[in-house]
Amino acid sequence: MPQGGTGLQVPHFFGEKMNNNDNDTNTPTTLNEMINLLESVQTDYTKFYVDGNSSAGTRIRKAMQQIKTTAHDVRQHVQTTKKNQ
């Protein structure tokens, strides 16, 4: 894991993967990818709530599940890192 300027290890969401889910290419692995996923789902959000497009709702749910899973992984990593300091 890369070192920060303070000597602390930089967490995965700045570019390094935390877990070995390399086979799931749809899971965001960095904070920036999570942000990009949220931004990309904005159009589907409008399509679902304004236009009533049910397919857009499916894409929203899928994106939210990806973010939920990754957020959980980040929380576990932060907690482990905190305990090991």
PDB file of N, CA and C in Angstrom:
ATOM      1  N   MET A   1       0.860  -1.174   0.000  1.00  0.00           N
ATOM      2  CA  MET A   1       0.000   0.000   0.000  1.00  0.00           C
ATOM      3  C   MET A   1       0.907   1.237   0.000  1.00  0.00           C
ATOM      4  N   PRO A   2       0.592   2.278  -0.789  1.00  0.00           N
ATOM      5  CA  PRO A   2       1.443   3.452  -0.862  1.00  0.00           C
ATOM      6  C   PRO A   2       1.482   4.204   0.462  1.00  0.00           C
ATOM      7  N   GLN A   3       2.597   4.878   0.700  1.00  0.00           N
ATOM      8  CA  GLN A   3       2.765   5.669   1.915  1.00  0.00           C
ATOM      9  C   GLN A   3       2.366   7.117   1.663  1.00  0.00           C
ATOM     10  N   GLY A   4       1.676   7.727   2.630  1.00  0.00           N
ATOM     11  CA  GLY A   4       1.344   9.145   2.560  1.00  0.00           C
ATOM     12  C   GLY A   4       2.496   9.963   3.101  1.00  0.00           C
ATOM     13  N   GLY A   5       2.398  11.269   3.039  1.00  0.00           N
ATOM     14  CA  GLY A   5       3.448  12.158   3.510  1.00  0.00           C
ATOM     15  C   GLY A   5       3.683  12.073   5.005  1.00  0.00           C
ATOM     16  N   THR A   6       2.711  11.599   5.770  1.00  0.00           N
ATOM     17  CA  THR A   6       2.843  11.510   7.215  1.00  0.00           C
ATOM     18  C   THR A   6       3.382  10.172   7.673  1.00  0.00           C
ATOM     19  N   GLY A   7       3.671   9.276   6.747  1.00  0.00           N
ATOM     20  CA  GLY A   7       4.142   7.953   7.099  1.00  0.00           C
ATOM     21  C   GLY A   7       3.006   6.957   7.268  1.00  0.00           C
ATOM     22  N   LEU A   8       1.764   7.419   7.190  1.00  0.00           N
ATOM     23  CA  LEU A   8       0.621   6.524   7.290  1.00  0.00           C
ATOM     24  C   LEU A   8       0.339   5.906   5.932  1.00  0.00           C
ATOM     25  N   GLN A   9      -0.202   4.712   5.945  1.00  0.00           N
ATOM     26  CA  GLN A   9      -0.546   4.075   4.690  1.00  0.00           C
ATOM     27  C   GLN A   9      -1.815   4.713   4.137  1.00  0.00           C
ATOM     28  N   VAL A  10      -1.809   4.958   2.821  1.00  0.00           N
ATOM     29  CA  VAL A  10      -2.956   5.571   2.151  1.00  0.00           C
ATOM     30  C   VAL A  10      -3.986   4.484   1.891  1.00  0.00           C
ATOM     31  N   PRO A  11      -5.259   4.703   2.246  1.00  0.00           N
ATOM     32  CA  PRO A  11      -6.276   3.685   2.050  1.00  0.00           C
ATOM     33  C   PRO A  11      -6.538   3.389   0.584  1.00  0.00           C
ATOM     34  N   HIS A  12      -7.176   2.250   0.337  1.00  0.00           N
ATOM     35  CA  HIS A  12      -7.393   1.751  -1.020  1.00  0.00           C
ATOM     36  C   HIS A  12      -8.194   2.685  -1.898  1.00  0.00           C
ATOM     37  N   PHE A  13      -9.097   3.455  -1.336  1.00  0.00           N
ATOM     38  CA  PHE A  13      -9.969   4.216  -2.215  1.00  0.00           C
ATOM     39  C   PHE A  13      -9.253   5.385  -2.863  1.00  0.00           C
ATOM     40  N   PHE A  14      -7.941   5.486  -2.656  1.00  0.00           N
ATOM     41  CA  PHE A  14      -7.144   6.438  -3.400  1.00  0.00           C
ATOM     42  C   PHE A  14      -6.359   5.720  -4.487  1.00  0.00           C
ATOM     43  N   GLY A  15      -6.798   4.518  -4.851  1.00  0.00           N
ATOM     44  CA  GLY A  15      -6.214   3.863  -6.001  1.00  0.00           C
ATOM     45  C   GLY A  15      -5.865   2.405  -5.828  1.00  0.00           C
ATOM     46  N   GLU A  16      -5.744   1.899  -4.620  1.00  0.00           N
ATOM     47  CA  GLU A  16      -5.359   0.510  -4.417  1.00  0.00           C
ATOM     48  C   GLU A  16      -6.559  -0.287  -3.928  1.00  0.00           C
ATOM     49  N   LYS A  17      -6.779  -1.459  -4.502  1.00  0.00           N
ATOM     50  CA  LYS A  17      -7.922  -2.283  -4.109  1.00  0.00           C
ATOM     51  C   LYS A  17      -7.718  -2.846  -2.710  1.00  0.00           C
ATOM     52  N   MET A  18      -8.850  -2.971  -1.964  1.00  0.00           N
ATOM     53  CA  MET A  18      -8.808  -3.526  -0.616  1.00  0.00           C
ATOM     54  C   MET A  18      -8.969  -5.030  -0.622  1.00  0.00           C
ATOM     55  N   ASN A  19      -9.822  -5.543  -1.471  1.00  0.00           N
ATOM     56  CA  ASN A  19     -10.133  -6.961  -1.425  1.00  0.00           C
ATOM     57  C   ASN A  19      -9.776  -7.609  -2.754  1.00  0.00           C
ATOM     58  N   ASN A  20     -10.044  -8.884  -2.853  1.00  0.00           N
ATOM     59  CA  ASN A  20      -9.672  -9.636  -4.044  1.00  0.00           C
ATOM     60  C   ASN A  20     -10.867  -9.923  -4.933  1.00  0.00           C
ATOM     61  N   ASN A  21     -11.746  -8.959  -5.130  1.00  0.00           N
ATOM     62  CA  ASN A  21     -12.908  -9.141  -5.991  1.00  0.00           C
ATOM     63  C   ASN A  21     -12.592  -8.705  -7.420  1.00  0.00           C
ATOM     64  N   ASP A  22     -11.423  -9.087  -7.913  1.00  0.00           N
ATOM     65  CA  ASP A  22     -11.008  -8.688  -9.256  1.00  0.00           C
ATOM     66  C   ASP A  22     -11.915  -9.256 -10.333  1.00  0.00           C
ATOM     67  N   ASN A  23     -12.635 -10.339 -10.027  1.00  0.00           N
ATOM     68  CA  ASN A  23     -13.482 -10.955 -11.037  1.00  0.00           C
ATOM     69  C   ASN A  23     -14.793 -10.210 -11.211  1.00  0.00           C
ATOM     70  N   ASP A  24     -15.138  -9.284 -10.316  1.00  0.00           N
ATOM     71  CA  ASP A  24     -16.375  -8.514 -10.438  1.00  0.00           C
ATOM     72  C   ASP A  24     -16.022  -7.120 -10.940  1.00  0.00           C
ATOM     73  N   THR A  25     -16.049  -6.927 -12.251  1.00  0.00           N
ATOM     74  CA  THR A  25     -15.620  -5.663 -12.840  1.00  0.00           C
ATOM     75  C   THR A  25     -16.650  -4.561 -12.683  1.00  0.00           C
ATOM     76  N   ASN A  26     -17.867  -4.870 -12.221  1.00  0.00           N
ATOM     77  CA  ASN A  26     -18.889  -3.854 -12.044  1.00  0.00           C
ATOM     78  C   ASN A  26     -18.845  -3.195 -10.679  1.00  0.00           C
ATOM     79  N   THR A  27     -17.995  -3.664  -9.767  1.00  0.00           N
ATOM     80  CA  THR A  27     -17.913  -3.097  -8.434  1.00  0.00           C
ATOM     81  C   THR A  27     -16.898  -1.964  -8.425  1.00  0.00           C
ATOM     82  N   PRO A  28     -17.313  -0.779  -8.012  1.00  0.00           N
ATOM     83  CA  PRO A  28     -16.346   0.320  -7.941  1.00  0.00           C
ATOM     84  C   PRO A  28     -15.302   0.041  -6.875  1.00  0.00           C
ATOM     85  N   THR A  29     -14.049   0.340  -7.150  1.00  0.00           N
ATOM     86  CA  THR A  29     -12.977   0.031  -6.215  1.00  0.00           C
ATOM     87  C   THR A  29     -12.301   1.276  -5.662  1.00  0.00           C
ATOM     88  N   THR A  30     -12.675   2.451  -6.133  1.00  0.00           N
ATOM     89  CA  THR A  30     -12.072   3.667  -5.614  1.00  0.00           C
ATOM     90  C   THR A  30     -13.161   4.684  -5.289  1.00  0.00           C
ATOM     91  N   LEU A  31     -12.813   5.636  -4.469  1.00  0.00           N
ATOM     92  CA  LEU A  31     -13.753   6.692  -4.114  1.00  0.00           C
ATOM     93  C   LEU A  31     -14.198   7.463  -5.350  1.00  0.00           C
ATOM     94  N   ASN A  32     -13.282   7.765  -6.248  1.00  0.00           N
ATOM     95  CA  ASN A  32     -13.639   8.488  -7.472  1.00  0.00           C
ATOM     96  C   ASN A  32     -14.605   7.708  -8.342  1.00  0.00           C
ATOM     97  N   GLU A  33     -14.437   6.393  -8.405  1.00  0.00           N
ATOM     98  CA  GLU A  33     -15.367   5.578  -9.193  1.00  0.00           C
ATOM     99  C   GLU A  33     -16.756   5.593  -8.571  1.00  0.00           C
ATOM    100  N   MET A  34     -16.826   5.607  -7.243  1.00  0.00           N
ATOM    101  CA  MET A  34     -18.130   5.690  -6.573  1.00  0.00           C
ATOM    102  C   MET A  34     -18.805   7.027  -6.890  1.00  0.00           C
ATOM    103  N   ILE A  35     -18.030   8.093  -6.880  1.00  0.00           N
ATOM    104  CA  ILE A  35     -18.565   9.416  -7.195  1.00  0.00           C
ATOM    105  C   ILE A  35     -19.043   9.450  -8.648  1.00  0.00           C
ATOM    106  N   ASN A  36     -18.245   8.905  -9.554  1.00  0.00           N
ATOM    107  CA  ASN A  36     -18.638   8.861 -10.965  1.00  0.00           C
ATOM    108  C   ASN A  36     -19.907   8.048 -11.168  1.00  0.00           C
ATOM    109  N   LEU A  37     -20.032   6.960 -10.432  1.00  0.00           N
ATOM    110  CA  LEU A  37     -21.236   6.136 -10.539  1.00  0.00           C
ATOM    111  C   LEU A  37     -22.462   6.917 -10.080  1.00  0.00           C
ATOM    112  N   LEU A  38     -22.338   7.649  -8.984  1.00  0.00           N
ATOM    113  CA  LEU A  38     -23.452   8.480  -8.514  1.00  0.00           C
ATOM    114  C   LEU A  38     -23.818   9.550  -9.534  1.00  0.00           C
ATOM    115  N   GLU A  39     -22.809  10.181 -10.109  1.00  0.00           N
ATOM    116  CA  GLU A  39     -23.081  11.215 -11.110  1.00  0.00           C
ATOM    117  C   GLU A  39     -23.746  10.630 -12.348  1.00  0.00           C
ATOM    118  N   SER A  40     -23.321   9.439 -12.751  1.00  0.00           N
ATOM    119  CA  SER A  40     -23.889   8.837 -13.959  1.00  0.00           C
ATOM    120  C   SER A  40     -25.328   8.386 -13.762  1.00  0.00           C
ATOM    121  N   VAL A  41     -25.725   8.108 -12.537  1.00  0.00           N
ATOM    122  CA  VAL A  41     -27.073   7.628 -12.271  1.00  0.00           C
ATOM    123  C   VAL A  41     -28.077   8.791 -12.160  1.00  0.00           C
ATOM    124  N   GLN A  42     -27.592  10.017 -12.138  1.00  0.00           N
ATOM    125  CA  GLN A  42     -28.491  11.179 -12.052  1.00  0.00           C
ATOM    126  C   GLN A  42     -29.482  11.214 -13.214  1.00  0.00           C
ATOM    127  N   THR A  43     -29.033  10.905 -14.403  1.00  0.00           N
ATOM    128  CA  THR A  43     -29.913  10.895 -15.575  1.00  0.00           C
ATOM    129  C   THR A  43     -31.004   9.838 -15.418  1.00  0.00           C
ATOM    130  N   ASP A  44     -30.607   8.651 -14.954  1.00  0.00           N
ATOM    131  CA  ASP A  44     -31.586   7.598 -14.732  1.00  0.00           C
ATOM    132  C   ASP A  44     -32.574   7.975 -13.635  1.00  0.00           C
ATOM    133  N   TYR A  45     -32.116   8.702 -12.651  1.00  0.00           N
ATOM    134  CA  TYR A  45     -32.981   9.159 -11.560  1.00  0.00           C
ATOM    135  C   TYR A  45     -34.117  10.023 -12.125  1.00  0.00           C
ATOM    136  N   THR A  46     -33.757  10.940 -13.008  1.00  0.00           N
ATOM    137  CA  THR A  46     -34.760  11.791 -13.647  1.00  0.00           C
ATOM    138  C   THR A  46     -35.679  10.963 -14.548  1.00  0.00           C
ATOM    139  N   LYS A  47     -35.084  10.057 -15.314  1.00  0.00           N
ATOM    140  CA  LYS A  47     -35.890   9.215 -16.203  1.00  0.00           C
ATOM    141  C   LYS A  47     -36.908   8.399 -15.415  1.00  0.00           C
ATOM    142  N   PHE A  48     -36.509   7.915 -14.249  1.00  0.00           N
ATOM    143  CA  PHE A  48     -37.411   7.085 -13.453  1.00  0.00           C
ATOM    144  C   PHE A  48     -38.505   7.917 -12.802  1.00  0.00           C
ATOM    145  N   TYR A  49     -38.129   8.986 -12.110  1.00  0.00           N
ATOM    146  CA  TYR A  49     -39.103   9.745 -11.337  1.00  0.00           C
ATOM    147  C   TYR A  49     -39.931  10.731 -12.163  1.00  0.00           C
ATOM    148  N   VAL A  50     -39.366  11.275 -13.228  1.00  0.00           N
ATOM    149  CA  VAL A  50     -40.098  12.249 -14.046  1.00  0.00           C
ATOM    150  C   VAL A  50     -40.808  11.559 -15.204  1.00  0.00           C
ATOM    151  N   ASP A  51     -40.088  10.685 -15.915  1.00  0.00           N
ATOM    152  CA  ASP A  51     -40.630  10.060 -17.115  1.00  0.00           C
ATOM    153  C   ASP A  51     -41.296   8.713 -16.856  1.00  0.00           C
ATOM    154  N   GLY A  52     -41.098   8.143 -15.666  1.00  0.00           N
ATOM    155  CA  GLY A  52     -41.708   6.861 -15.343  1.00  0.00           C
ATOM    156  C   GLY A  52     -41.056   5.668 -16.025  1.00  0.00           C
ATOM    157  N   ASN A  53     -39.786   5.782 -16.383  1.00  0.00           N
ATOM    158  CA  ASN A  53     -39.053   4.718 -17.063  1.00  0.00           C
ATOM    159  C   ASN A  53     -38.608   3.672 -16.033  1.00  0.00           C
ATOM    160  N   SER A  54     -39.255   2.506 -16.049  1.00  0.00           N
ATOM    161  CA  SER A  54     -38.943   1.486 -15.041  1.00  0.00           C
ATOM    162  C   SER A  54     -37.556   0.863 -15.230  1.00  0.00           C
ATOM    163  N   SER A  55     -37.049   0.829 -16.447  1.00  0.00           N
ATOM    164  CA  SER A  55     -35.692   0.310 -16.676  1.00  0.00           C
ATOM    165  C   SER A  55     -34.649   1.188 -15.991  1.00  0.00           C
ATOM    166  N   ALA A  56     -34.901   2.485 -15.967  1.00  0.00           N
ATOM    167  CA  ALA A  56     -33.989   3.405 -15.278  1.00  0.00           C
ATOM    168  C   ALA A  56     -33.986   3.104 -13.778  1.00  0.00           C
ATOM    169  N   GLY A  57     -35.137   2.725 -13.232  1.00  0.00           N
ATOM    170  CA  GLY A  57     -35.212   2.350 -11.823  1.00  0.00           C
ATOM    171  C   GLY A  57     -34.354   1.137 -11.507  1.00  0.00           C
ATOM    172  N   THR A  58     -34.325   0.182 -12.425  1.00  0.00           N
ATOM    173  CA  THR A  58     -33.480  -1.000 -12.257  1.00  0.00           C
ATOM    174  C   THR A  58     -32.014  -0.611 -12.235  1.00  0.00           C
ATOM    175  N   ARG A  59     -31.622   0.283 -13.139  1.00  0.00           N
ATOM    176  CA  ARG A  59     -30.224   0.733 -13.175  1.00  0.00           C
ATOM    177  C   ARG A  59     -29.870   1.497 -11.899  1.00  0.00           C
ATOM    178  N   ILE A  60     -30.793   2.277 -11.370  1.00  0.00           N
ATOM    179  CA  ILE A  60     -30.555   3.002 -10.123  1.00  0.00           C
ATOM    180  C   ILE A  60     -30.328   2.014  -8.983  1.00  0.00           C
ATOM    181  N   ARG A  61     -31.204   1.014  -8.873  1.00  0.00           N
ATOM    182  CA  ARG A  61     -31.070   0.029  -7.791  1.00  0.00           C
ATOM    183  C   ARG A  61     -29.741  -0.714  -7.883  1.00  0.00           C
ATOM    184  N   LYS A  62     -29.328  -1.061  -9.098  1.00  0.00           N
ATOM    185  CA  LYS A  62     -28.055  -1.757  -9.291  1.00  0.00           C
ATOM    186  C   LYS A  62     -26.881  -0.882  -8.847  1.00  0.00           C
ATOM    187  N   ALA A  63     -26.907   0.380  -9.233  1.00  0.00           N
ATOM    188  CA  ALA A  63     -25.834   1.304  -8.846  1.00  0.00           C
ATOM    189  C   ALA A  63     -25.798   1.503  -7.335  1.00  0.00           C
ATOM    190  N   MET A  64     -26.965   1.628  -6.720  1.00  0.00           N
ATOM    191  CA  MET A  64     -27.017   1.828  -5.270  1.00  0.00           C
ATOM    192  C   MET A  64     -26.500   0.601  -4.522  1.00  0.00           C
ATOM    193  N   GLN A  65     -26.764  -0.582  -5.050  1.00  0.00           N
ATOM    194  CA  GLN A  65     -26.249  -1.801  -4.423  1.00  0.00           C
ATOM    195  C   GLN A  65     -24.733  -1.853  -4.520  1.00  0.00           C
ATOM    196  N   GLN A  66     -24.183  -1.450  -5.664  1.00  0.00           N
ATOM    197  CA  GLN A  66     -22.726  -1.413  -5.819  1.00  0.00           C
ATOM    198  C   GLN A  66     -22.103  -0.447  -4.819  1.00  0.00           C
ATOM    199  N   ILE A  67     -22.709   0.708  -4.671  1.00  0.00           N
ATOM    200  CA  ILE A  67     -22.188   1.708  -3.744  1.00  0.00           C
ATOM    201  C   ILE A  67     -22.302   1.214  -2.304  1.00  0.00           C
ATOM    202  N   LYS A  68     -23.427   0.587  -1.967  1.00  0.00           N
ATOM    203  CA  LYS A  68     -23.631   0.059  -0.618  1.00  0.00           C
ATOM    204  C   LYS A  68     -22.554  -0.978  -0.277  1.00  0.00           C
ATOM    205  N   THR A  69     -22.302  -1.884  -1.198  1.00  0.00           N
ATOM    206  CA  THR A  69     -21.313  -2.937  -0.975  1.00  0.00           C
ATOM    207  C   THR A  69     -19.920  -2.349  -0.797  1.00  0.00           C
ATOM    208  N   THR A  70     -19.561  -1.425  -1.656  1.00  0.00           N
ATOM    209  CA  THR A  70     -18.244  -0.817  -1.572  1.00  0.00           C
ATOM    210  C   THR A  70     -18.106   0.033  -0.310  1.00  0.00           C
ATOM    211  N   ALA A  71     -19.151   0.756   0.051  1.00  0.00           N
ATOM    212  CA  ALA A  71     -19.121   1.561   1.272  1.00  0.00           C
ATOM    213  C   ALA A  71     -18.912   0.658   2.489  1.00  0.00           C
ATOM    214  N   HIS A  72     -19.541  -0.496   2.502  1.00  0.00           N
ATOM    215  CA  HIS A  72     -19.357  -1.447   3.598  1.00  0.00           C
ATOM    216  C   HIS A  72     -17.900  -1.914   3.668  1.00  0.00           C
ATOM    217  N   ASP A  73     -17.308  -2.221   2.502  1.00  0.00           N
ATOM    218  CA  ASP A  73     -15.904  -2.631   2.449  1.00  0.00           C
ATOM    219  C   ASP A  73     -14.990  -1.529   2.973  1.00  0.00           C
ATOM    220  N   VAL A  74     -15.280  -0.285   2.594  1.00  0.00           N
ATOM    221  CA  VAL A  74     -14.476   0.851   3.055  1.00  0.00           C
ATOM    222  C   VAL A  74     -14.588   0.982   4.578  1.00  0.00           C
ATOM    223  N   ARG A  75     -15.800   0.868   5.109  1.00  0.00           N
ATOM    224  CA  ARG A  75     -15.988   0.963   6.555  1.00  0.00           C
ATOM    225  C   ARG A  75     -15.200  -0.112   7.294  1.00  0.00           C
ATOM    226  N   GLN A  76     -15.229  -1.342   6.790  1.00  0.00           N
ATOM    227  CA  GLN A  76     -14.472  -2.423   7.419  1.00  0.00           C
ATOM    228  C   GLN A  76     -12.974  -2.144   7.357  1.00  0.00           C
ATOM    229  N   HIS A  77     -12.513  -1.657   6.219  1.00  0.00           N
ATOM    230  CA  HIS A  77     -11.087  -1.353   6.060  1.00  0.00           C
ATOM    231  C   HIS A  77     -10.654  -0.248   7.013  1.00  0.00           C
ATOM    232  N   VAL A  78     -11.476   0.794   7.142  1.00  0.00           N
ATOM    233  CA  VAL A  78     -11.166   1.894   8.048  1.00  0.00           C
ATOM    234  C   VAL A  78     -11.104   1.382   9.489  1.00  0.00           C
ATOM    235  N   GLN A  79     -12.059   0.544   9.874  1.00  0.00           N
ATOM    236  CA  GLN A  79     -12.098   0.017  11.232  1.00  0.00           C
ATOM    237  C   GLN A  79     -10.873  -0.850  11.515  1.00  0.00           C
ATOM    238  N   THR A  80     -10.495  -1.693  10.560  1.00  0.00           N
ATOM    239  CA  THR A  80      -9.317  -2.534  10.726  1.00  0.00           C
ATOM    240  C   THR A  80      -8.059  -1.693  10.838  1.00  0.00           C
ATOM    241  N   THR A  81      -7.951  -0.701   9.971  1.00  0.00           N
ATOM    242  CA  THR A  81      -6.799   0.198   9.997  1.00  0.00           C
ATOM    243  C   THR A  81      -6.720   0.937  11.314  1.00  0.00           C
ATOM    244  N   LYS A  82      -7.846   1.389  11.801  1.00  0.00           N
ATOM    245  CA  LYS A  82      -7.921   2.118  13.080  1.00  0.00           C
ATOM    246  C   LYS A  82      -7.459   1.218  14.219  1.00  0.00           C
ATOM    247  N   LYS A  83      -7.902  -0.042  14.227  1.00  0.00           N
ATOM    248  CA  LYS A  83      -7.522  -0.966  15.299  1.00  0.00           C
ATOM    249  C   LYS A  83      -6.044  -1.300  15.259  1.00  0.00           C
ATOM    250  N   ASN A  84      -5.447  -1.303  14.069  1.00  0.00           N
ATOM    251  CA  ASN A  84      -4.049  -1.682  13.919  1.00  0.00           C
ATOM    252  C   ASN A  84      -3.069  -0.535  14.145  1.00  0.00           C
ATOM    253  N   GLN A  85      -3.555   0.647  14.397  1.00  0.00           N
ATOM    254  CA  GLN A  85      -2.643   1.786  14.576  1.00  0.00           C
ATOM    255  C   GLN A  85      -2.134   1.841  15.996  1.00  0.00           C
TER     256      GLN A  85
END
